[in-house]
């Protein structure tokens, strides 16, 4: 069975360059509990935890819990043809391949020269 919530938490945490411990501190839970959410051992977030985690990850609780497919669009945002193509490809992929693509992008970003 797929762990969409855990994958979403993991990808959002990585995108913010946070460790499980840092996220746990912001949410008020242990590193071990964050690991349980990410791995699917714990699949249900209590409302206060979901709200705190969404706040720490800069998303809405609806997005975090998978009730909303995407973050709300940023008003006036213009994207290039290349960005449109990346979005098209991303949307065509399954969840596992989306995670691979996002992980690759995060790795690229982390290795770029400063």
C-alpha atoms as a PDB file:
ATOM      1  CA  UNK A   1       0.000   0.000   0.000  1.00  0.00           C
ATOM      2  CA  UNK A   2       1.217   3.457  -0.867  1.00  0.00           C
ATOM      3  CA  UNK A   3       2.165   6.003   1.791  1.00  0.00           C
ATOM      4  CA  UNK A   4       1.173   9.268   0.117  1.00  0.00           C
ATOM      5  CA  UNK A   5       1.062  11.268   3.353  1.00  0.00           C
ATOM      6  CA  UNK A   6       4.493  10.068   4.437  1.00  0.00           C
ATOM      7  CA  UNK A   7       5.949  10.744   1.006  1.00  0.00           C
ATOM      8  CA  UNK A   8       4.462  14.240   1.013  1.00  0.00           C
ATOM      9  CA  UNK A   9       5.891  14.989   4.477  1.00  0.00           C
ATOM     10  CA  UNK A  10       9.300  13.653   3.423  1.00  0.00           C
ATOM     11  CA  UNK A  11       9.449  15.669   0.187  1.00  0.00           C
ATOM     12  CA  UNK A  12       8.254  18.889   1.819  1.00  0.00           C
ATOM     13  CA  UNK A  13      10.743  18.460   4.671  1.00  0.00           C
ATOM     14  CA  UNK A  14      13.611  17.806   2.256  1.00  0.00           C
ATOM     15  CA  UNK A  15      12.617  20.786   0.107  1.00  0.00           C
ATOM     16  CA  UNK A  16      12.941  22.970   3.226  1.00  0.00           C
ATOM     17  CA  UNK A  17      16.327  21.370   4.046  1.00  0.00           C
ATOM     18  CA  UNK A  18      15.057  20.223   7.442  1.00  0.00           C
ATOM     19  CA  UNK A  19      16.043  17.136   9.369  1.00  0.00           C
ATOM     20  CA  UNK A  20      13.433  14.940  11.012  1.00  0.00           C
ATOM     21  CA  UNK A  21      14.623  16.303  14.343  1.00  0.00           C
ATOM     22  CA  UNK A  22      14.193  19.936  13.234  1.00  0.00           C
ATOM     23  CA  UNK A  23      10.696  19.258  11.926  1.00  0.00           C
ATOM     24  CA  UNK A  24       9.823  17.406  15.112  1.00  0.00           C
ATOM     25  CA  UNK A  25      10.958  20.369  17.211  1.00  0.00           C
ATOM     26  CA  UNK A  26       8.782  22.752  15.172  1.00  0.00           C
ATOM     27  CA  UNK A  27       5.777  20.422  15.423  1.00  0.00           C
ATOM     28  CA  UNK A  28       6.267  19.386  19.047  1.00  0.00           C
ATOM     29  CA  UNK A  29       6.933  15.686  18.467  1.00  0.00           C
ATOM     30  CA  UNK A  30      10.039  13.512  18.486  1.00  0.00           C
ATOM     31  CA  UNK A  31      12.300  12.687  15.548  1.00  0.00           C
ATOM     32  CA  UNK A  32      11.068   9.097  15.905  1.00  0.00           C
ATOM     33  CA  UNK A  33       7.454  10.220  15.463  1.00  0.00           C
ATOM     34  CA  UNK A  34       8.352  12.164  12.286  1.00  0.00           C
ATOM     35  CA  UNK A  35      10.027   8.990  11.015  1.00  0.00           C
ATOM     36  CA  UNK A  36       6.854   7.012  11.764  1.00  0.00           C
ATOM     37  CA  UNK A  37       4.763   9.509   9.763  1.00  0.00           C
ATOM     38  CA  UNK A  38       7.193   9.402   6.826  1.00  0.00           C
ATOM     39  CA  UNK A  39       7.465   5.613   6.731  1.00  0.00           C
ATOM     40  CA  UNK A  40       3.742   5.033   7.160  1.00  0.00           C
ATOM     41  CA  UNK A  41       3.931   3.342  10.565  1.00  0.00           C
ATOM     42  CA  UNK A  42       1.635   6.146  11.773  1.00  0.00           C
ATOM     43  CA  UNK A  43      -0.822   7.205   9.082  1.00  0.00           C
ATOM     44  CA  UNK A  44      -3.226   9.447  10.971  1.00  0.00           C
ATOM     45  CA  UNK A  45      -2.238  12.924  12.065  1.00  0.00           C
ATOM     46  CA  UNK A  46      -4.244  14.466  14.875  1.00  0.00           C
ATOM     47  CA  UNK A  47      -5.597  17.873  13.957  1.00  0.00           C
ATOM     48  CA  UNK A  48      -3.171  19.949  16.109  1.00  0.00           C
ATOM     49  CA  UNK A  49      -0.192  17.973  14.747  1.00  0.00           C
ATOM     50  CA  UNK A  50      -1.407  18.321  11.150  1.00  0.00           C
ATOM     51  CA  UNK A  51      -1.830  22.070  11.600  1.00  0.00           C
ATOM     52  CA  UNK A  52       1.587  22.490  13.248  1.00  0.00           C
ATOM     53  CA  UNK A  53       3.279  20.359  10.592  1.00  0.00           C
ATOM     54  CA  UNK A  54       1.579  22.194   7.728  1.00  0.00           C
ATOM     55  CA  UNK A  55       2.668  25.485   9.279  1.00  0.00           C
ATOM     56  CA  UNK A  56       6.266  24.269   9.687  1.00  0.00           C
ATOM     57  CA  UNK A  57       6.318  23.084   6.050  1.00  0.00           C
ATOM     58  CA  UNK A  58       4.626  26.244   4.684  1.00  0.00           C
ATOM     59  CA  UNK A  59       1.633  24.445   3.195  1.00  0.00           C
ATOM     60  CA  UNK A  60      -2.042  24.240   4.050  1.00  0.00           C
ATOM     61  CA  UNK A  61      -3.288  21.324   6.143  1.00  0.00           C
ATOM     62  CA  UNK A  62      -5.466  20.359   3.144  1.00  0.00           C
ATOM     63  CA  UNK A  63      -2.388  20.084   0.920  1.00  0.00           C
ATOM     64  CA  UNK A  64      -0.407  18.193   3.560  1.00  0.00           C
ATOM     65  CA  UNK A  65      -3.203  15.653   4.039  1.00  0.00           C
ATOM     66  CA  UNK A  66      -3.752  15.203   0.292  1.00  0.00           C
ATOM     67  CA  UNK A  67      -7.179  16.832   0.178  1.00  0.00           C
ATOM     68  CA  UNK A  68      -5.887  19.475  -2.217  1.00  0.00           C
ATOM     69  CA  UNK A  69      -3.814  18.349  -5.217  1.00  0.00           C
ATOM     70  CA  UNK A  70      -1.572  21.382  -5.455  1.00  0.00           C
ATOM     71  CA  UNK A  71      -0.601  24.416  -3.483  1.00  0.00           C
ATOM     72  CA  UNK A  72      -2.650  27.447  -4.463  1.00  0.00           C
ATOM     73  CA  UNK A  73      -1.195  29.236  -7.475  1.00  0.00           C
ATOM     74  CA  UNK A  74       0.861  32.321  -6.860  1.00  0.00           C
ATOM     75  CA  UNK A  75      -0.945  35.265  -8.399  1.00  0.00           C
ATOM     76  CA  UNK A  76       0.818  36.731 -11.411  1.00  0.00           C
ATOM     77  CA  UNK A  77       3.438  33.968 -11.603  1.00  0.00           C
ATOM     78  CA  UNK A  78       4.815  33.573 -15.122  1.00  0.00           C
ATOM     79  CA  UNK A  79       6.499  30.349 -16.096  1.00  0.00           C
ATOM     80  CA  UNK A  80       8.701  29.485 -19.045  1.00  0.00           C
ATOM     81  CA  UNK A  81       8.027  26.811 -21.686  1.00  0.00           C
ATOM     82  CA  UNK A  82      10.619  24.610 -19.959  1.00  0.00           C
ATOM     83  CA  UNK A  83       8.767  24.953 -16.644  1.00  0.00           C
ATOM     84  CA  UNK A  84       5.487  24.103 -18.364  1.00  0.00           C
ATOM     85  CA  UNK A  85       7.110  20.978 -19.814  1.00  0.00           C
ATOM     86  CA  UNK A  86       8.410  19.928 -16.400  1.00  0.00           C
ATOM     87  CA  UNK A  87       4.932  20.351 -14.928  1.00  0.00           C
ATOM     88  CA  UNK A  88       3.425  18.308 -17.784  1.00  0.00           C
ATOM     89  CA  UNK A  89       5.948  15.511 -17.225  1.00  0.00           C
ATOM     90  CA  UNK A  90       5.471  15.595 -13.448  1.00  0.00           C
ATOM     91  CA  UNK A  91       1.702  15.298 -13.769  1.00  0.00           C
ATOM     92  CA  UNK A  92       2.045  12.324 -16.126  1.00  0.00           C
ATOM     93  CA  UNK A  93       4.124  10.354 -13.606  1.00  0.00           C
ATOM     94  CA  UNK A  94       2.915   8.060 -10.855  1.00  0.00           C
ATOM     95  CA  UNK A  95       3.564   8.879  -7.207  1.00  0.00           C
ATOM     96  CA  UNK A  96       6.806   6.886  -6.941  1.00  0.00           C
ATOM     97  CA  UNK A  97       8.254   8.466 -10.074  1.00  0.00           C
ATOM     98  CA  UNK A  98       7.187  11.928  -8.902  1.00  0.00           C
ATOM     99  CA  UNK A  99       9.132  11.315  -5.702  1.00  0.00           C
ATOM    100  CA  UNK A 100      12.181  10.199  -7.706  1.00  0.00           C
ATOM    101  CA  UNK A 101      11.961  13.325  -9.861  1.00  0.00           C
ATOM    102  CA  UNK A 102      11.619  15.598  -6.836  1.00  0.00           C
ATOM    103  CA  UNK A 103      14.484  13.829  -5.046  1.00  0.00           C
ATOM    104  CA  UNK A 104      16.686  14.292  -8.098  1.00  0.00           C
ATOM    105  CA  UNK A 105      15.785  17.999  -8.292  1.00  0.00           C
ATOM    106  CA  UNK A 106      16.547  18.442  -4.577  1.00  0.00           C
ATOM    107  CA  UNK A 107      19.906  16.683  -5.036  1.00  0.00           C
ATOM    108  CA  UNK A 108      20.720  18.981  -7.962  1.00  0.00           C
ATOM    109  CA  UNK A 109      19.814  22.046  -5.932  1.00  0.00           C
ATOM    110  CA  UNK A 110      21.937  20.913  -2.983  1.00  0.00           C
ATOM    111  CA  UNK A 111      25.015  20.353  -5.166  1.00  0.00           C
ATOM    112  CA  UNK A 112      24.846  23.639  -7.091  1.00  0.00           C
ATOM    113  CA  UNK A 113      27.812  25.972  -6.528  1.00  0.00           C
ATOM    114  CA  UNK A 114      27.194  28.825  -4.123  1.00  0.00           C
END
